[in-house]
């Protein structure tokens, strides 16, 4: 009798373990403990998608980070799909990990110069930033000596870009530092570090490079689809 029940019991127990493992492995994000320290999204941010979207994915990333490169592609896919209706937008903020990536601040400065070199029109400047950001990740790792060539390859004036990059505007560098400090104040210890913000709901952190399916699940929850 004992042996007759041992195998079925083991199967049931094993099934419970597997089910539990599957459940806990589904990324859910977690509430931001100090959300009040996150700078609100404004027109000065680099926004990809509808600036008035009810769901915003605010990413703090490093252009010299391999995980950030993969997550960049993931968020592009998210915006192409989930953001097509204007319900989801992506905000990029600088988070150069200068402790481990010596060129990270230089690359962040180059991205901000790309936006600045495009002119004072906000839409044109924003578009230039995203073109250059995509190019930086596509060419990773980037030798700073190639930044001018990369800028030219995406239609950004080489001379204007070079002048901005060489002069190292205090205001531009201050923006990068402010983004970085904002991430650190929220408890970020690495990149990418992202926060999903939805009106009327608690912000949710994605600490790391989540998969497309994981991000989609969190976005669907933010939109009330789950």
Protein backbone atom coordinates (compact mmCIF):
# COMPACT_ATOMS: atom_id res chain seq x y z
CA UNK A 1 0.00 0.00 0.00
CA UNK A 2 2.80 2.41 0.90
CA UNK A 3 4.61 1.88 -2.42
CA UNK A 4 1.34 2.25 -4.37
CA UNK A 5 0.87 5.80 -3.13
CA UNK A 6 4.50 6.87 -3.17
CA UNK A 7 4.79 7.42 -6.95
CA UNK A 8 1.50 9.39 -7.38
CA UNK A 9 2.37 11.52 -4.36
CA UNK A 10 5.80 12.24 -5.79
CA UNK A 11 4.26 13.22 -9.13
CA UNK A 12 1.81 15.61 -7.47
CA UNK A 13 4.53 17.11 -5.29
CA UNK A 14 6.79 17.51 -8.29
CA UNK A 15 4.01 19.22 -10.18
CA UNK A 16 3.54 21.71 -7.36
CA UNK A 17 7.26 22.51 -7.37
CA UNK A 18 7.29 23.03 -11.13
CA UNK A 19 4.18 25.20 -11.04
CA UNK A 20 5.65 27.29 -8.23
CA UNK A 21 8.93 27.66 -10.11
CA UNK A 22 7.12 28.84 -13.23
CA UNK A 23 5.06 31.33 -11.21
CA UNK A 24 7.95 32.90 -9.35
CA UNK A 25 10.07 33.09 -12.50
CA UNK A 26 7.61 35.44 -14.21
CA UNK A 27 9.07 38.97 -13.84
CA UNK A 28 6.58 41.26 -12.15
CA UNK A 29 8.68 44.29 -11.30
CA UNK A 30 8.36 45.88 -7.90
CA UNK A 31 7.10 49.18 -6.50
CA UNK A 32 9.61 52.02 -6.33
CA UNK A 33 10.41 52.58 -2.65
CA UNK A 34 11.43 56.21 -3.21
CA UNK A 35 9.40 57.20 -6.26
CA UNK A 36 9.19 60.80 -5.09
CA UNK A 37 12.88 61.12 -5.96
CA UNK A 38 12.30 60.35 -9.62
CA UNK A 39 12.29 63.48 -11.75
CA UNK A 40 8.95 63.87 -13.54
CA UNK A 41 8.96 63.50 -17.32
CA UNK A 42 9.05 66.85 -19.11
CA UNK A 43 9.42 68.25 -22.61
CA UNK A 44 13.17 68.43 -22.05
CA UNK A 45 13.39 64.63 -21.93
CA UNK A 46 14.26 62.42 -24.90
CA UNK A 47 10.91 60.76 -25.62
CA UNK A 48 10.31 58.07 -28.22
CA UNK A 49 6.62 57.72 -28.94
CA UNK A 50 3.61 59.73 -27.86
CA UNK A 51 4.69 62.37 -25.27
CA UNK A 52 1.17 62.19 -23.83
CA UNK A 53 1.10 58.38 -23.54
CA UNK A 54 -0.59 57.12 -20.34
CA UNK A 55 2.25 54.64 -19.80
CA UNK A 56 5.87 55.81 -19.78
CA UNK A 57 8.94 53.58 -19.63
CA UNK A 58 11.71 55.74 -18.19
CA UNK A 59 15.06 54.09 -18.85
CA UNK A 60 18.40 55.07 -17.31
CA UNK A 61 21.12 53.57 -19.51
CA UNK A 62 24.79 53.55 -20.45
CA UNK A 63 25.90 53.59 -24.11
CA UNK A 64 28.94 51.45 -23.25
CA UNK A 65 26.87 48.72 -21.58
CA UNK A 66 26.23 45.43 -23.37
CA UNK A 67 23.05 44.69 -21.42
CA UNK A 68 21.78 48.17 -22.28
CA UNK A 69 22.33 47.44 -25.97
CA UNK A 70 20.15 44.34 -25.79
CA UNK A 71 17.48 46.14 -23.78
CA UNK A 72 17.53 49.04 -26.22
CA UNK A 73 16.49 46.63 -28.98
CA UNK A 74 13.81 45.20 -26.68
CA UNK A 75 12.29 48.61 -25.95
CA UNK A 76 12.34 49.50 -29.64
CA UNK A 77 10.24 46.39 -30.24
CA UNK A 78 7.91 47.27 -27.36
CA UNK A 79 7.27 50.76 -28.75
CA UNK A 80 6.83 49.40 -32.29
CA UNK A 81 4.14 47.02 -31.03
CA UNK A 82 2.59 48.14 -27.75
CA UNK A 83 3.33 51.81 -28.47
CA UNK A 84 1.79 51.84 -31.95
CA UNK A 85 -1.55 53.06 -30.61
CA UNK A 86 0.08 55.88 -28.65
CA UNK A 87 -0.53 54.23 -25.28
CA UNK A 88 3.14 53.64 -24.42
CA UNK A 89 6.21 55.88 -24.76
CA UNK A 90 9.89 55.49 -23.88
CA UNK A 91 12.05 58.07 -22.12
CA UNK A 92 15.85 57.79 -22.25
CA UNK A 93 17.98 59.22 -19.47
CA UNK A 94 21.75 59.08 -19.16
CA UNK A 95 23.28 56.70 -16.63
CA UNK A 96 26.99 56.40 -17.54
CA UNK A 97 28.62 53.77 -15.34
CA UNK A 98 31.85 55.72 -15.08
CA UNK A 99 33.23 53.39 -12.40
CA UNK A 100 33.55 50.53 -14.91
CA UNK A 101 33.22 52.19 -18.33
CA UNK A 102 35.85 54.93 -18.84
CA UNK A 103 34.24 56.13 -22.09
CA UNK A 104 30.65 56.09 -20.84
CA UNK A 105 30.45 59.79 -19.94
CA UNK A 106 32.02 60.77 -23.27
CA UNK A 107 29.41 58.72 -25.15
CA UNK A 108 26.60 60.29 -23.12
CA UNK A 109 27.98 63.73 -23.93
CA UNK A 110 28.14 62.81 -27.62
CA UNK A 111 24.46 61.76 -27.59
CA UNK A 112 23.45 65.05 -26.00
CA UNK A 113 25.60 66.94 -28.52
CA UNK A 114 23.86 65.08 -31.34
CA UNK A 115 20.55 66.43 -30.09
CA UNK A 116 21.98 69.92 -29.62
CA UNK A 117 23.63 69.97 -33.05
CA UNK A 118 20.30 69.28 -34.73
CA UNK A 119 19.04 72.74 -33.82
CA UNK A 120 16.57 74.39 -31.49
CA UNK A 121 13.45 72.72 -32.86
CA UNK A 122 12.41 70.20 -30.19
CA UNK A 123 11.09 67.54 -32.57
CA UNK A 124 14.17 67.69 -34.80
CA UNK A 125 16.50 67.60 -31.80
CA UNK A 126 14.65 64.64 -30.29
CA UNK A 127 14.76 62.73 -33.57
CA UNK A 128 18.51 63.35 -33.90
CA UNK A 129 19.12 62.06 -30.39
CA UNK A 130 17.34 58.77 -31.09
CA UNK A 131 19.08 58.28 -34.45
CA UNK A 132 22.44 58.80 -32.81
CA UNK A 133 21.56 56.61 -29.80
CA UNK A 134 20.61 53.77 -32.14
CA UNK A 135 23.88 54.20 -34.01
CA UNK A 136 25.93 54.14 -30.81
CA UNK A 137 24.44 50.83 -29.78
CA UNK A 138 24.75 49.37 -33.28
CA UNK A 139 28.48 50.24 -33.31
CA UNK A 140 29.21 49.16 -29.73
CA UNK A 141 31.90 49.23 -28.45
CA UNK A 142 32.51 52.74 -29.73
CA UNK A 143 35.94 54.35 -29.81
CA UNK A 144 35.38 58.07 -29.00
CA UNK A 145 37.59 58.95 -31.98
CA UNK A 146 34.79 57.63 -34.25
CA UNK A 147 31.99 59.74 -32.80
CA UNK A 148 32.16 62.38 -35.53
CA UNK A 149 31.92 59.71 -38.21
CA UNK A 150 28.94 58.12 -36.50
CA UNK A 151 27.23 61.51 -36.23
CA UNK A 152 27.72 62.17 -39.93
CA UNK A 153 26.40 58.69 -40.79
CA UNK A 154 23.01 59.56 -39.27
CA UNK A 155 22.76 63.00 -40.83
CA UNK A 156 24.09 65.16 -38.00
CA UNK A 157 26.36 68.07 -38.89
CA UNK A 158 29.91 66.96 -38.18
CA UNK A 159 31.26 70.47 -37.56
CA UNK A 160 28.49 71.53 -35.19
CA UNK A 161 28.68 68.20 -33.39
CA UNK A 162 32.46 68.40 -33.05
CA UNK A 163 32.28 71.92 -31.64
CA UNK A 164 29.72 70.90 -29.02
CA UNK A 165 31.65 67.78 -28.04
CA UNK A 166 35.02 69.55 -27.79
CA UNK A 167 33.72 72.49 -25.79
CA UNK A 168 32.02 70.30 -23.18
CA UNK A 169 29.17 72.64 -22.28
CA UNK A 170 28.75 72.83 -18.49
CA UNK A 171 24.96 72.77 -18.92
CA UNK A 172 25.14 69.67 -21.09
CA UNK A 173 27.42 67.83 -18.68
CA UNK A 174 25.20 68.92 -15.79
CA UNK A 175 22.22 67.30 -17.50
CA UNK A 176 24.07 63.99 -17.76
CA UNK A 177 25.16 64.20 -14.13
CA UNK A 178 21.63 65.03 -13.03
CA UNK A 179 20.24 61.99 -14.84
CA UNK A 180 22.89 59.78 -13.27
CA UNK A 181 22.28 61.16 -9.78
CA UNK A 182 18.54 60.68 -10.19
CA UNK A 183 19.08 56.98 -10.95
CA UNK A 184 21.41 56.58 -7.97
CA UNK A 185 18.95 58.31 -5.64
CA UNK A 186 16.31 55.78 -6.63
CA UNK A 187 18.64 52.95 -5.69
CA UNK A 188 19.99 51.95 -9.11
CA UNK A 189 23.19 49.93 -8.84
CA UNK A 190 23.57 49.06 -12.51
CA UNK A 191 22.19 49.66 -15.96
CA UNK A 192 19.73 49.45 -17.52
CA UNK A 193 17.47 50.65 -14.74
CA UNK A 194 13.92 51.50 -15.76
CA UNK A 195 10.68 52.67 -14.21
CA UNK A 196 7.21 52.14 -15.67
CA UNK A 197 5.01 55.09 -14.75
CA UNK A 198 1.24 55.00 -15.17
CA UNK A 199 -1.30 57.59 -14.08
CA UNK A 200 -3.09 56.44 -10.95
CA UNK A 201 -0.83 53.44 -10.31
CA UNK A 202 2.33 52.81 -8.33
CA UNK A 203 5.52 53.05 -10.43
CA UNK A 204 7.19 49.72 -11.19
CA UNK A 205 10.94 49.13 -11.47
CA UNK A 206 12.67 46.97 -14.05
CA UNK A 207 16.12 46.52 -12.58
CA UNK A 208 18.06 45.00 -15.46
CA UNK A 209 17.58 43.95 -19.07
CA UNK A 210 14.16 42.30 -19.10
CA UNK A 211 12.99 40.20 -22.06
CA UNK A 212 10.38 41.46 -24.50
CA UNK A 213 7.72 39.16 -23.06
CA UNK A 214 8.48 40.32 -19.52
CA UNK A 215 8.24 43.99 -20.48
CA UNK A 216 5.06 43.36 -22.45
CA UNK A 217 3.49 41.68 -19.42
CA UNK A 218 4.28 44.67 -17.21
CA UNK A 219 3.03 47.11 -19.85
CA UNK A 220 -0.19 45.12 -20.25
CA UNK A 221 -0.68 45.26 -16.48
CA UNK A 222 -0.09 49.02 -16.53
CA UNK A 223 -2.70 49.38 -19.28
CA UNK A 224 -5.17 47.26 -17.34
CA UNK A 225 -5.10 44.38 -19.82
CA UNK A 226 -4.33 41.82 -17.10
